[in-house]
Amino acid sequence: MHALVIDDSKPVRSILTKVLTGLQFQCIEAQNGVEALDRLSHMPRPALITLNRHMPEMDGFELLGRIRRSQQYKNLPVVMISTDSTKASIEAAMRLGATDFVAKPFTPTELVARLNALGLIQKTNNTNESLSKTQRSSSFDSHTNQPVQNKAEKKPIRLLLVDDSAAIRGILSKTLRDIPGIKVIGTAADGEKALTFLEKEQVDIVLLDIEMPVMDGIETLRRIREKYSRLPVVMFSSLTERGAKATLESLVAGANDYVAKPTATDNDSIVARIESELVPKLRAVYRPPGTNKECGNHTASTKSPIQSRWTKKSQNISVIVIGVSTGGPSALAEILPHLTVADAPPIVVVQHMPKEFTGHLAERLSKMCKHRVSEASHGQALQPEHIYLAPGGSHLEIQKRGKAFILALHNGPPENSCRPSADVLFRSAAKIFHSDTLALVLTGMGNDGLQGCKMIASEGGVVIAQDEPSSVVWGMPGHVVRAGLADAVLSLDRVGPDIAMRIRRQQQ
């Protein structure tokens, strides 16, 4: 039996899919209402839909209304899962036709109990065994795919809000106050006040506006990095042309992530954006006190068995493909200048980022590299000593046309809730270049790139993953390492020099 999991948060979808798969459901995911309607039209009738309320493009309430107006899905079980668990919200969901309502954060046990009460769980020995494993595992926070051993004892994330707008600071403080596990311990109206606060208080994450008086966000970020190099900083900025360029500069300068400010002026829309986009990112970049990013369990030294697989492989590198997400701009700024050696193979990059940003990123990286960095265009020839960046919102593939290799853009369905997707790029490279493909999976949430790496590995190509300590989020590379696909696991400062050395060797 099938289940359709609808939520704009990748970590939440991952949790729900894991639980439902253990209950013998075949899960299909969608990140918003528009995508969900497309999934429904192409999949077998699901036995269950889980539905988040606040989502971009089409929210859960609108989608629920459309589902209930369709004769085909009129009696389909729909469980709404949302952080907005006020009495009014629950009543509104039930009036629209929700079968049940589960409040975030939830545990697998809580969700299973509700599904059992609805008679949606098929009782078999295999199901009972899977369910037992799921329930025995740690509880999961619904905003991140991280176990919570004991919520009562877990210390909240201490957050400093820095924004010159008193209204924004107010609504952020009020909304985050109701989110479990997050505590706003201070606010500041400009960068100087933020730096003064950091000298006196222990902070886990800084949420930082860009355009402020006295000291703007970029200068504040530089000062923070000088003194608190590992303190997570999430930028909170507008997606205007000016705001996008400034945000990109901050990401290259070391900001861990960003969240676009809501364009709507009503409080409900702003609260929805905070819950659906900001909170998951805060949880993703958070490092508990005592976590030393210099000492990860998965870091590979020069003598580690996993890295020896790469050193033993004799490979001619014809193309380098890179997949990266959270923390990507600064990681690319670290790596790419090392790879601009003479006669270097073409480099093709998928960075999960809106279309407003990718052009600015290419322009910024061009200033740091000897080779040209450009946003890829459809039909563009793939050439040595060039670096191509997938434009936001479009998949990017490599195709062969006669004896030439070209880049192709298309708007196919998102994969792993991503467009562009690293899997799309990686598969195309494996089909054309086979064992001459080198794939690099860098910091980022989710598992995009995993399936593509499987294909590259099966063709005899090389897969390199960034290690956990140097990653902002060890999601994408972590999945590749745990699947046994990585020929080398390298710290960020080793990736560029090691690949450059390989390129020089093949030229000798």
Protein backbone atom coordinates (compact mmCIF):
# COMPACT_ATOMS: atom_id res chain seq x y z
CA MET A 1 0.00 0.00 0.00
CA HIS A 2 1.16 3.50 -0.79
CA ALA A 3 1.44 6.67 1.28
CA LEU A 4 1.93 10.24 0.05
CA VAL A 5 4.09 12.29 2.42
CA ILE A 6 3.65 16.06 1.90
CA ASP A 7 5.88 18.52 3.78
CA ASP A 8 8.20 21.31 2.64
CA SER A 9 10.82 20.22 5.18
CA LYS A 10 13.17 17.49 3.91
CA PRO A 11 14.06 16.31 7.44
CA VAL A 12 10.38 15.93 8.35
CA ARG A 13 9.66 14.00 5.15
CA SER A 14 12.61 11.75 5.91
CA ILE A 15 11.30 10.98 9.40
CA LEU A 16 7.77 10.26 8.19
CA THR A 17 8.99 8.08 5.34
CA LYS A 18 11.18 6.08 7.70
CA VAL A 19 8.30 5.44 10.10
CA LEU A 20 5.78 4.60 7.38
CA THR A 21 8.19 2.35 5.50
CA GLY A 22 8.58 0.36 8.70
CA LEU A 23 4.80 -0.06 8.66
CA GLN A 24 4.88 -1.58 5.15
CA PHE A 25 3.89 1.59 3.28
CA GLN A 26 5.54 2.47 -0.02
CA CYS A 27 6.16 6.19 0.37
CA ILE A 28 6.15 8.90 -2.27
CA GLU A 29 7.14 12.42 -1.18
CA ALA A 30 6.07 15.92 -2.21
CA GLN A 31 7.33 19.27 -0.91
CA ASN A 32 4.21 21.37 -1.54
CA GLY A 33 0.58 21.16 -2.62
CA VAL A 34 1.27 21.69 -6.32
CA GLU A 35 3.81 18.88 -6.39
CA ALA A 36 1.46 16.68 -4.35
CA LEU A 37 -1.33 17.01 -6.90
CA ASP A 38 1.10 15.97 -9.62
CA ARG A 39 2.21 12.96 -7.57
CA LEU A 40 -1.42 11.94 -6.96
CA SER A 41 -2.16 11.96 -10.67
CA HIS A 42 0.73 9.59 -11.45
CA MET A 43 0.74 7.17 -8.50
CA PRO A 44 -1.58 4.37 -7.38
CA ARG A 45 -4.33 5.52 -5.05
CA PRO A 46 -2.62 5.98 -1.67
CA ALA A 47 -3.92 4.39 1.50
CA LEU A 48 -2.75 7.45 3.49
CA ILE A 49 -1.73 11.06 3.04
CA THR A 50 0.28 12.96 5.68
CA LEU A 51 -0.03 16.70 5.14
CA ASN A 52 1.79 19.70 6.55
CA ARG A 53 -0.20 22.93 6.83
CA HIS A 54 2.24 25.75 6.06
CA MET A 55 3.97 25.24 2.69
CA PRO A 56 4.95 27.47 -0.25
CA GLU A 57 3.01 27.54 -3.55
CA MET A 58 -0.03 25.77 -2.08
CA ASP A 59 -0.54 25.29 1.65
CA GLY A 60 -2.04 22.26 3.37
CA PHE A 61 -5.49 23.74 3.89
CA GLU A 62 -5.92 24.60 0.21
CA LEU A 63 -4.70 21.17 -0.85
CA LEU A 64 -6.95 19.43 1.66
CA GLY A 65 -9.94 21.31 0.27
CA ARG A 66 -9.08 20.24 -3.28
CA ILE A 67 -8.66 16.61 -2.22
CA ARG A 68 -12.04 16.55 -0.49
CA ARG A 69 -13.77 18.14 -3.49
CA SER A 70 -12.58 15.25 -5.67
CA GLN A 71 -14.88 12.23 -5.73
CA GLN A 72 -11.86 9.99 -6.27
CA TYR A 73 -10.22 11.05 -3.00
CA LYS A 74 -13.24 12.09 -0.96
CA ASN A 75 -12.81 9.31 1.64
CA LEU A 76 -9.00 9.07 1.51
CA PRO A 77 -7.42 9.20 5.03
CA VAL A 78 -5.53 12.48 5.42
CA VAL A 79 -3.56 13.12 8.62
CA MET A 80 -2.50 16.75 9.04
CA ILE A 81 0.84 17.21 10.82
CA SER A 82 1.72 20.76 11.84
CA THR A 83 3.42 22.93 14.43
CA ASP A 84 0.32 25.12 14.38
CA SER A 85 -1.59 22.99 16.88
CA THR A 86 -3.85 25.64 18.37
CA LYS A 87 -7.46 24.68 18.98
CA ALA A 88 -8.60 26.96 16.14
CA SER A 89 -6.12 25.39 13.68
CA ILE A 90 -7.10 21.85 14.59
CA GLU A 91 -10.80 22.66 14.29
CA ALA A 92 -10.24 24.32 10.91
CA ALA A 93 -8.34 21.25 9.65
CA MET A 94 -11.10 18.90 10.78
CA ARG A 95 -13.77 21.09 9.19
CA LEU A 96 -11.91 20.90 5.89
CA GLY A 97 -11.92 17.12 6.11
CA ALA A 98 -8.74 16.03 7.88
CA THR A 99 -9.06 12.51 9.27
CA ASP A 100 -6.79 13.31 12.21
CA PHE A 101 -4.30 15.92 13.42
CA VAL A 102 -0.80 15.27 14.82
CA ALA A 103 1.12 18.13 16.41
CA LYS A 104 4.81 18.73 15.76
CA PRO A 105 7.13 17.82 17.33
CA PHE A 106 6.06 14.17 17.42
CA THR A 107 7.72 10.82 18.09
CA PRO A 108 7.38 7.68 15.93
CA THR A 109 5.46 6.05 18.77
CA GLU A 110 2.93 8.88 18.87
CA LEU A 111 2.40 8.78 15.11
CA VAL A 112 2.06 4.99 15.04
CA ALA A 113 -0.52 5.11 17.82
CA ARG A 114 -2.67 7.56 15.86
CA LEU A 115 -2.45 5.49 12.67
CA ASN A 116 -3.30 2.36 14.63
CA ALA A 117 -6.37 4.08 16.08
CA LEU A 118 -7.46 4.91 12.54
CA GLY A 119 -7.08 1.26 11.51
CA LEU A 120 -4.37 2.07 8.94
CA ILE A 121 -1.72 -0.39 10.12
CA GLN A 122 -1.70 -3.88 8.66
CA LYS A 123 -0.74 -6.30 11.43
CA THR A 124 1.82 -8.86 10.22
CA ASN A 125 4.86 -10.42 11.85
CA ASN A 126 7.18 -8.40 9.61
CA THR A 127 5.27 -5.23 10.38
CA ASN A 128 5.38 -5.89 14.12
CA GLU A 129 9.13 -6.48 13.93
CA SER A 130 9.71 -3.26 11.94
CA LEU A 131 7.39 -1.33 14.22
CA SER A 132 9.22 -2.61 17.26
CA LYS A 133 12.54 -1.43 15.83
CA THR A 134 11.08 1.96 15.02
CA GLN A 135 9.59 2.42 18.47
CA ARG A 136 12.75 1.24 20.23
CA SER A 137 14.86 3.83 18.44
CA SER A 138 15.36 7.31 19.86
CA SER A 139 12.56 9.81 19.46
CA PHE A 140 13.02 12.20 16.56
CA ASP A 141 12.57 15.90 16.55
CA SER A 142 10.17 16.68 13.71
CA HIS A 143 12.25 19.63 12.49
CA THR A 144 15.43 17.60 12.00
CA ASN A 145 16.38 14.01 11.40
CA GLN A 146 18.28 13.88 14.68
CA PRO A 147 17.55 11.60 17.62
CA VAL A 148 16.39 13.09 20.90
CA GLN A 149 17.41 10.85 23.76
CA ASN A 150 15.51 12.68 26.46
CA LYS A 151 13.55 15.80 25.57
CA ALA A 152 13.12 16.75 29.21
CA GLU A 153 16.89 16.91 29.67
CA LYS A 154 17.82 18.36 26.31
CA LYS A 155 19.06 21.91 26.60
CA PRO A 156 17.43 24.37 24.21
CA ILE A 157 19.30 26.01 21.35
CA ARG A 158 20.31 29.47 22.55
CA LEU A 159 19.59 31.94 19.79
CA LEU A 160 20.64 35.56 19.31
CA LEU A 161 18.42 37.60 16.94
CA VAL A 162 20.10 40.49 15.14
CA ASP A 163 17.82 42.72 13.05
CA ASP A 164 17.28 46.48 12.95
CA SER A 165 13.50 46.04 12.64
CA ALA A 166 11.80 45.96 16.01
CA ALA A 167 8.75 44.40 14.37
CA ILE A 168 10.78 41.53 12.91
CA ARG A 169 12.58 40.95 16.22
CA GLY A 170 9.23 40.91 17.98
CA ILE A 171 7.50 38.40 15.74
CA LEU A 172 10.60 36.18 15.59
CA SER A 173 10.86 36.16 19.38
CA LYS A 174 7.17 35.48 19.84
CA THR A 175 7.04 32.65 17.28
CA LEU A 176 10.25 30.93 18.33
CA ARG A 177 9.20 31.11 21.98
CA ASP A 178 6.56 28.49 21.19
CA ILE A 179 8.94 26.15 19.34
CA PRO A 180 10.26 23.34 21.59
CA GLY A 181 14.03 23.23 21.93
CA ILE A 182 14.73 26.83 20.88
CA LYS A 183 15.25 29.73 23.25
CA VAL A 184 15.79 33.35 22.20
CA ILE A 185 18.27 34.56 24.79
CA GLY A 186 18.81 38.01 23.32
CA THR A 187 18.15 40.48 20.52
CA ALA A 188 20.24 43.22 18.96
CA ALA A 189 19.40 46.03 16.54
CA ASP A 190 22.82 46.20 14.88
CA GLY A 191 26.14 44.37 14.55
CA GLU A 192 27.98 46.28 17.27
CA LYS A 193 25.33 45.43 19.85
CA ALA A 194 25.42 41.80 18.72
CA LEU A 195 29.19 41.59 19.21
CA THR A 196 28.88 43.12 22.66
CA PHE A 197 26.23 40.56 23.58
CA LEU A 198 28.43 37.68 22.37
CA GLU A 199 31.22 38.80 24.67
CA LYS A 200 28.94 38.41 27.69
CA GLU A 201 26.65 35.47 26.88
CA GLN A 202 27.02 31.96 25.54
CA VAL A 203 25.16 31.66 22.23
CA ASP A 204 24.57 28.57 20.09
CA ILE A 205 23.37 30.25 16.86
CA VAL A 206 23.18 33.81 15.54
CA LEU A 207 20.32 34.77 13.22
CA LEU A 208 21.70 37.78 11.38
CA ASP A 209 20.07 40.40 9.17
CA ILE A 210 22.20 41.86 6.37
CA GLU A 211 21.10 45.47 5.93
CA MET A 212 21.47 47.27 9.27
CA PRO A 213 22.77 50.64 10.47
CA VAL A 214 26.00 51.12 12.45
CA MET A 215 27.45 47.77 11.36
CA ASP A 216 25.84 45.69 8.62
CA GLY A 217 25.46 41.93 8.55
CA ILE A 218 28.46 41.10 6.35
CA GLU A 219 30.89 43.10 8.49
CA THR A 220 29.33 41.60 11.62
CA LEU A 221 29.80 38.11 10.17
CA ARG A 222 33.47 38.80 9.45
CA ARG A 223 33.99 39.97 13.05
CA ILE A 224 32.18 36.89 14.38
CA ARG A 225 34.33 34.58 12.25
CA GLU A 226 37.51 36.27 13.53
CA LYS A 227 36.65 35.57 17.16
CA TYR A 228 34.07 32.75 17.09
CA SER A 229 35.08 30.75 14.02
CA ARG A 230 32.73 27.81 14.68
CA LEU A 231 29.66 29.67 15.90
CA PRO A 232 26.81 28.89 13.46
CA VAL A 233 25.41 31.98 11.72
CA VAL A 234 22.22 31.93 9.64
CA MET A 235 21.52 34.97 7.48
CA PHE A 236 17.99 36.41 7.36
CA SER A 237 17.64 38.49 4.22
CA SER A 238 15.37 39.58 1.40
CA LEU A 239 15.42 37.96 -2.05
CA THR A 240 15.67 41.26 -3.90
CA GLU A 241 18.54 41.63 -6.38
CA ARG A 242 20.50 43.61 -3.84
CA GLY A 243 19.59 41.28 -0.97
CA ALA A 244 20.49 38.14 -2.95
CA LYS A 245 23.92 39.48 -3.85
CA ALA A 246 24.64 40.50 -0.27
CA THR A 247 23.44 37.14 1.04
CA LEU A 248 25.68 35.33 -1.41
CA GLU A 249 28.64 37.39 -0.21
CA SER A 250 27.87 36.37 3.36
CA LEU A 251 27.64 32.68 2.43
CA VAL A 252 31.02 32.81 0.71
CA ALA A 253 32.37 34.64 3.78
CA GLY A 254 31.34 31.77 6.03
CA ALA A 255 27.66 32.02 6.95
CA ASN A 256 26.28 28.54 7.49
CA ASP A 257 22.93 29.08 5.77
CA TYR A 258 20.28 31.66 4.98
CA VAL A 259 16.52 32.10 5.13
CA ALA A 260 14.65 34.54 2.91
CA LYS A 261 12.56 37.12 4.72
CA PRO A 262 8.83 36.76 4.05
CA THR A 263 7.53 39.15 1.42
CA ALA A 264 4.03 39.06 2.92
CA THR A 265 3.15 41.59 5.59
CA ASP A 266 0.54 39.61 7.53
CA ASN A 267 1.67 37.86 10.69
CA ASP A 268 0.29 34.45 9.68
CA SER A 269 2.46 34.32 6.56
CA ILE A 270 5.54 35.40 8.48
CA VAL A 271 4.91 32.80 11.19
CA ALA A 272 4.44 30.13 8.52
CA ARG A 273 7.80 31.00 6.93
CA ILE A 274 9.54 30.89 10.31
CA GLU A 275 8.08 27.47 11.15
CA SER A 276 8.56 25.85 7.76
CA GLU A 277 11.94 27.25 6.69
CA LEU A 278 13.82 28.87 9.54
CA VAL A 279 13.34 26.32 12.31
CA PRO A 280 14.58 23.28 10.31
CA LYS A 281 17.70 25.18 9.27
CA LEU A 282 18.46 26.30 12.82
CA ARG A 283 18.26 22.70 13.98
CA ALA A 284 20.36 21.47 11.05
CA VAL A 285 23.35 23.78 11.70
CA TYR A 286 23.22 23.47 15.50
CA ARG A 287 26.12 21.72 17.21
CA PRO A 288 25.50 20.71 20.85
CA PRO A 289 27.94 22.10 23.43
CA GLY A 290 30.99 19.88 23.70
CA THR A 291 30.79 18.73 20.08
CA ASN A 292 34.23 19.19 18.60
CA LYS A 293 34.07 19.44 14.84
CA GLU A 294 37.78 18.68 14.73
CA CYS A 295 37.16 15.18 16.12
CA GLY A 296 34.61 13.28 14.09
CA ASN A 297 34.24 9.54 14.02
CA HIS A 298 34.20 9.39 10.23
CA THR A 299 37.24 11.45 9.34
CA ALA A 300 39.69 9.56 7.16
CA SER A 301 43.39 10.03 7.70
CA THR A 302 45.95 9.56 4.96
CA LYS A 303 46.42 5.95 6.09
CA SER A 304 42.77 4.99 6.45
CA PRO A 305 41.54 1.93 4.49
CA ILE A 306 38.76 3.89 2.82
CA GLN A 307 41.15 6.46 1.37
CA SER A 308 43.54 3.77 0.19
CA ARG A 309 40.84 2.69 -2.29
CA TRP A 310 41.33 5.98 -4.11
CA THR A 311 45.13 5.88 -4.02
CA LYS A 312 45.08 2.37 -5.50
CA LYS A 313 42.75 3.32 -8.36
CA SER A 314 44.35 4.29 -11.63
CA GLN A 315 42.00 6.83 -13.13
CA ASN A 316 41.98 9.28 -15.98
CA ILE A 317 39.74 12.15 -14.87
CA SER A 318 37.67 13.43 -17.80
CA VAL A 319 35.07 15.31 -15.77
CA ILE A 320 34.55 16.41 -12.17
CA VAL A 321 30.96 16.62 -10.92
CA ILE A 322 30.13 18.22 -7.58
CA GLY A 323 26.98 18.08 -5.44
CA VAL A 324 26.62 20.45 -2.48
CA SER A 325 23.93 22.16 -0.41
CA THR A 326 24.06 23.79 3.05
CA GLY A 327 27.46 25.42 3.55
CA GLY A 328 28.24 25.09 -0.14
CA PRO A 329 29.34 28.59 -1.21
CA SER A 330 32.18 28.78 1.31
CA ALA A 331 33.14 25.15 0.59
CA LEU A 332 33.31 25.85 -3.15
CA ALA A 333 35.33 29.01 -2.48
CA GLU A 334 37.81 26.84 -0.58
CA ILE A 335 38.07 24.02 -3.12
CA LEU A 336 37.70 25.41 -6.64
CA PRO A 337 40.77 27.70 -6.72
CA HIS A 338 42.93 24.60 -6.14
CA LEU A 339 41.39 22.86 -9.17
CA THR A 340 42.12 25.58 -11.70
CA VAL A 341 45.35 23.97 -12.87
CA ALA A 342 46.47 23.91 -16.50
CA ASP A 343 44.43 21.56 -18.75
CA ALA A 344 42.11 20.70 -15.85
CA PRO A 345 39.01 18.70 -16.85
CA PRO A 346 35.66 20.51 -16.91
CA ILE A 347 33.95 20.87 -13.54
CA VAL A 348 30.15 20.82 -13.27
CA VAL A 349 28.51 21.87 -10.00
CA VAL A 350 25.04 21.42 -8.55
CA GLN A 351 24.57 23.77 -5.60
CA HIS A 352 21.10 23.74 -4.04
CA MET A 353 20.22 27.41 -4.28
CA PRO A 354 17.44 29.64 -5.69
CA LYS A 355 17.82 31.06 -9.18
CA GLU A 356 18.24 34.53 -7.65
CA PHE A 357 21.56 33.41 -6.17
CA THR A 358 23.33 31.11 -8.64
CA GLY A 359 24.36 33.83 -11.09
CA HIS A 360 25.88 35.86 -8.26
CA LEU A 361 27.68 32.77 -6.97
CA ALA A 362 29.22 32.08 -10.38
CA GLU A 363 30.32 35.71 -10.65
CA ARG A 364 31.82 35.65 -7.15
CA LEU A 365 33.69 32.37 -7.71
CA SER A 366 35.06 33.65 -11.04
CA LYS A 367 36.91 36.35 -9.15
CA MET A 368 38.58 33.70 -6.98
CA CYS A 369 39.52 31.18 -9.69
CA LYS A 370 41.94 31.26 -12.62
CA HIS A 371 39.39 29.50 -14.80
CA ARG A 372 36.05 30.84 -15.90
CA VAL A 373 33.08 30.07 -13.65
CA SER A 374 29.70 30.54 -15.32
CA GLU A 375 26.07 29.67 -14.88
CA ALA A 376 25.41 26.82 -17.31
CA SER A 377 23.25 27.48 -20.36
CA HIS A 378 21.34 24.99 -22.50
CA GLY A 379 23.44 23.62 -25.38
CA GLN A 380 26.70 25.04 -24.02
CA ALA A 381 29.81 23.04 -24.96
CA LEU A 382 31.67 21.31 -22.14
CA GLN A 383 35.29 22.46 -22.23
CA PRO A 384 38.47 21.92 -20.18
CA GLU A 385 39.51 24.68 -17.79
CA HIS A 386 35.87 25.72 -17.31
CA ILE A 387 33.60 25.49 -14.28
CA TYR A 388 29.83 25.32 -14.83
CA LEU A 389 27.19 25.98 -12.17
CA ALA A 390 23.64 24.66 -12.51
CA PRO A 391 21.13 27.54 -12.48
CA GLY A 392 18.64 27.45 -9.63
CA GLY A 393 15.35 25.81 -10.58
CA SER A 394 16.71 23.72 -13.49
CA HIS A 395 18.19 20.23 -13.70
CA LEU A 396 21.57 20.05 -15.44
CA GLU A 397 22.80 17.07 -17.48
CA ILE A 398 25.80 16.27 -19.65
CA GLN A 399 24.96 14.91 -23.10
CA LYS A 400 27.01 13.71 -26.05
CA ARG A 401 26.38 15.23 -29.46
CA GLY A 402 28.60 13.65 -32.10
CA LYS A 403 32.12 13.93 -30.73
CA ALA A 404 31.26 16.92 -28.54
CA PHE A 405 29.89 17.05 -25.00
CA ILE A 406 27.23 19.60 -24.18
CA LEU A 407 25.22 20.78 -21.20
CA ALA A 408 21.44 20.40 -21.20
CA LEU A 409 18.95 22.10 -18.88
CA HIS A 410 15.43 20.87 -18.22
CA ASN A 411 12.57 21.36 -15.78
CA GLY A 412 11.83 17.74 -14.95
CA PRO A 413 10.27 16.82 -11.61
CA PRO A 414 12.40 17.56 -8.52
CA GLU A 415 14.49 14.62 -7.31
CA ASN A 416 15.05 14.33 -3.57
CA SER A 417 12.92 17.51 -3.47
CA CYS A 418 15.71 19.28 -5.33
CA ARG A 419 15.95 21.00 -8.70
CA PRO A 420 18.74 21.10 -9.67
CA SER A 421 19.55 17.64 -8.33
CA ALA A 422 23.03 16.17 -8.00
CA ASP A 423 21.60 12.73 -8.85
CA VAL A 424 20.50 13.96 -12.30
CA LEU A 425 23.96 15.37 -13.05
CA PHE A 426 25.84 12.38 -11.62
CA ARG A 427 23.83 9.83 -13.62
CA SER A 428 24.44 11.68 -16.86
CA ALA A 429 28.19 11.85 -16.19
CA ALA A 430 28.36 8.13 -15.38
CA LYS A 431 26.57 7.21 -18.63
CA ILE A 432 29.00 9.22 -20.77
CA PHE A 433 32.35 9.21 -18.98
CA HIS A 434 32.04 5.90 -17.09
CA SER A 435 35.20 5.23 -15.04
CA ASP A 436 36.66 8.62 -15.99
CA THR A 437 34.12 10.38 -13.76
CA LEU A 438 35.16 11.89 -10.44
CA ALA A 439 32.24 12.80 -8.15
CA LEU A 440 32.62 15.05 -5.15
CA VAL A 441 29.87 15.17 -2.52
CA LEU A 442 30.19 18.11 -0.14
CA THR A 443 28.35 19.47 2.89
CA GLY A 444 24.56 19.59 2.77
CA MET A 445 21.24 18.35 4.15
CA GLY A 446 19.44 15.34 2.71
CA ASN A 447 20.71 12.52 0.51
CA ASP A 448 20.84 14.08 -2.95
CA GLY A 449 23.72 12.53 -4.88
CA LEU A 450 23.49 9.11 -3.25
CA GLN A 451 21.82 7.30 -6.16
CA GLY A 452 24.05 9.04 -8.68
CA CYS A 453 27.14 7.96 -6.72
CA LYS A 454 25.91 4.36 -6.86
CA MET A 455 25.88 4.57 -10.65
CA ILE A 456 29.29 6.25 -10.82
CA ALA A 457 30.77 3.59 -8.53
CA SER A 458 29.23 0.80 -10.61
CA GLU A 459 30.91 2.29 -13.71
CA GLY A 460 34.30 2.30 -11.95
CA GLY A 461 34.44 6.04 -11.31
CA VAL A 462 35.76 7.67 -8.14
CA VAL A 463 33.57 9.11 -5.38
CA ILE A 464 34.98 11.51 -2.78
CA ALA A 465 32.99 12.70 0.25
CA GLN A 466 33.68 15.57 2.62
CA ASP A 467 34.26 14.43 6.19
CA GLU A 468 31.87 15.12 9.05
CA PRO A 469 33.97 17.54 11.15
CA SER A 470 34.48 20.01 8.29
CA SER A 471 30.88 19.79 7.02
CA VAL A 472 28.24 22.30 8.08
CA VAL A 473 25.68 19.47 7.77
CA TRP A 474 26.91 15.91 7.18
CA GLY A 475 23.81 14.77 5.33
CA MET A 476 24.70 14.34 1.65
CA PRO A 477 28.28 13.15 2.21
CA GLY A 478 27.24 11.13 5.25
CA HIS A 479 24.75 9.07 3.24
CA VAL A 480 27.43 8.32 0.64
CA VAL A 481 29.96 7.25 3.28
CA ARG A 482 27.47 5.04 5.16
CA ALA A 483 26.52 3.37 1.87
CA GLY A 484 30.16 2.37 1.38
CA LEU A 485 30.48 4.36 -1.86
CA ALA A 486 33.26 6.78 -0.89
CA ASP A 487 36.73 6.04 -2.21
CA ALA A 488 38.04 8.80 0.04
CA VAL A 489 36.65 10.85 2.92
CA LEU A 490 38.55 14.12 3.15
CA SER A 491 38.47 17.28 5.23
CA LEU A 492 37.58 20.42 3.32
CA ASP A 493 41.14 21.73 3.31
CA ARG A 494 42.38 18.46 1.78
CA VAL A 495 39.83 18.05 -1.02
CA GLY A 496 41.19 20.66 -3.43
CA PRO A 497 44.93 19.91 -3.06
CA ASP A 498 44.44 16.13 -3.28
CA ILE A 499 42.34 16.30 -6.46
CA ALA A 500 44.72 18.85 -8.01
CA MET A 501 47.62 16.51 -7.33
CA ARG A 502 45.77 13.71 -9.15
CA ILE A 503 45.13 15.97 -12.15
CA ARG A 504 48.81 16.94 -12.36
CA ARG A 505 49.88 13.30 -12.17
CA GLN A 506 47.69 12.27 -15.09
CA GLN A 507 49.21 15.07 -17.18
CA GLN A 508 52.77 13.82 -16.67
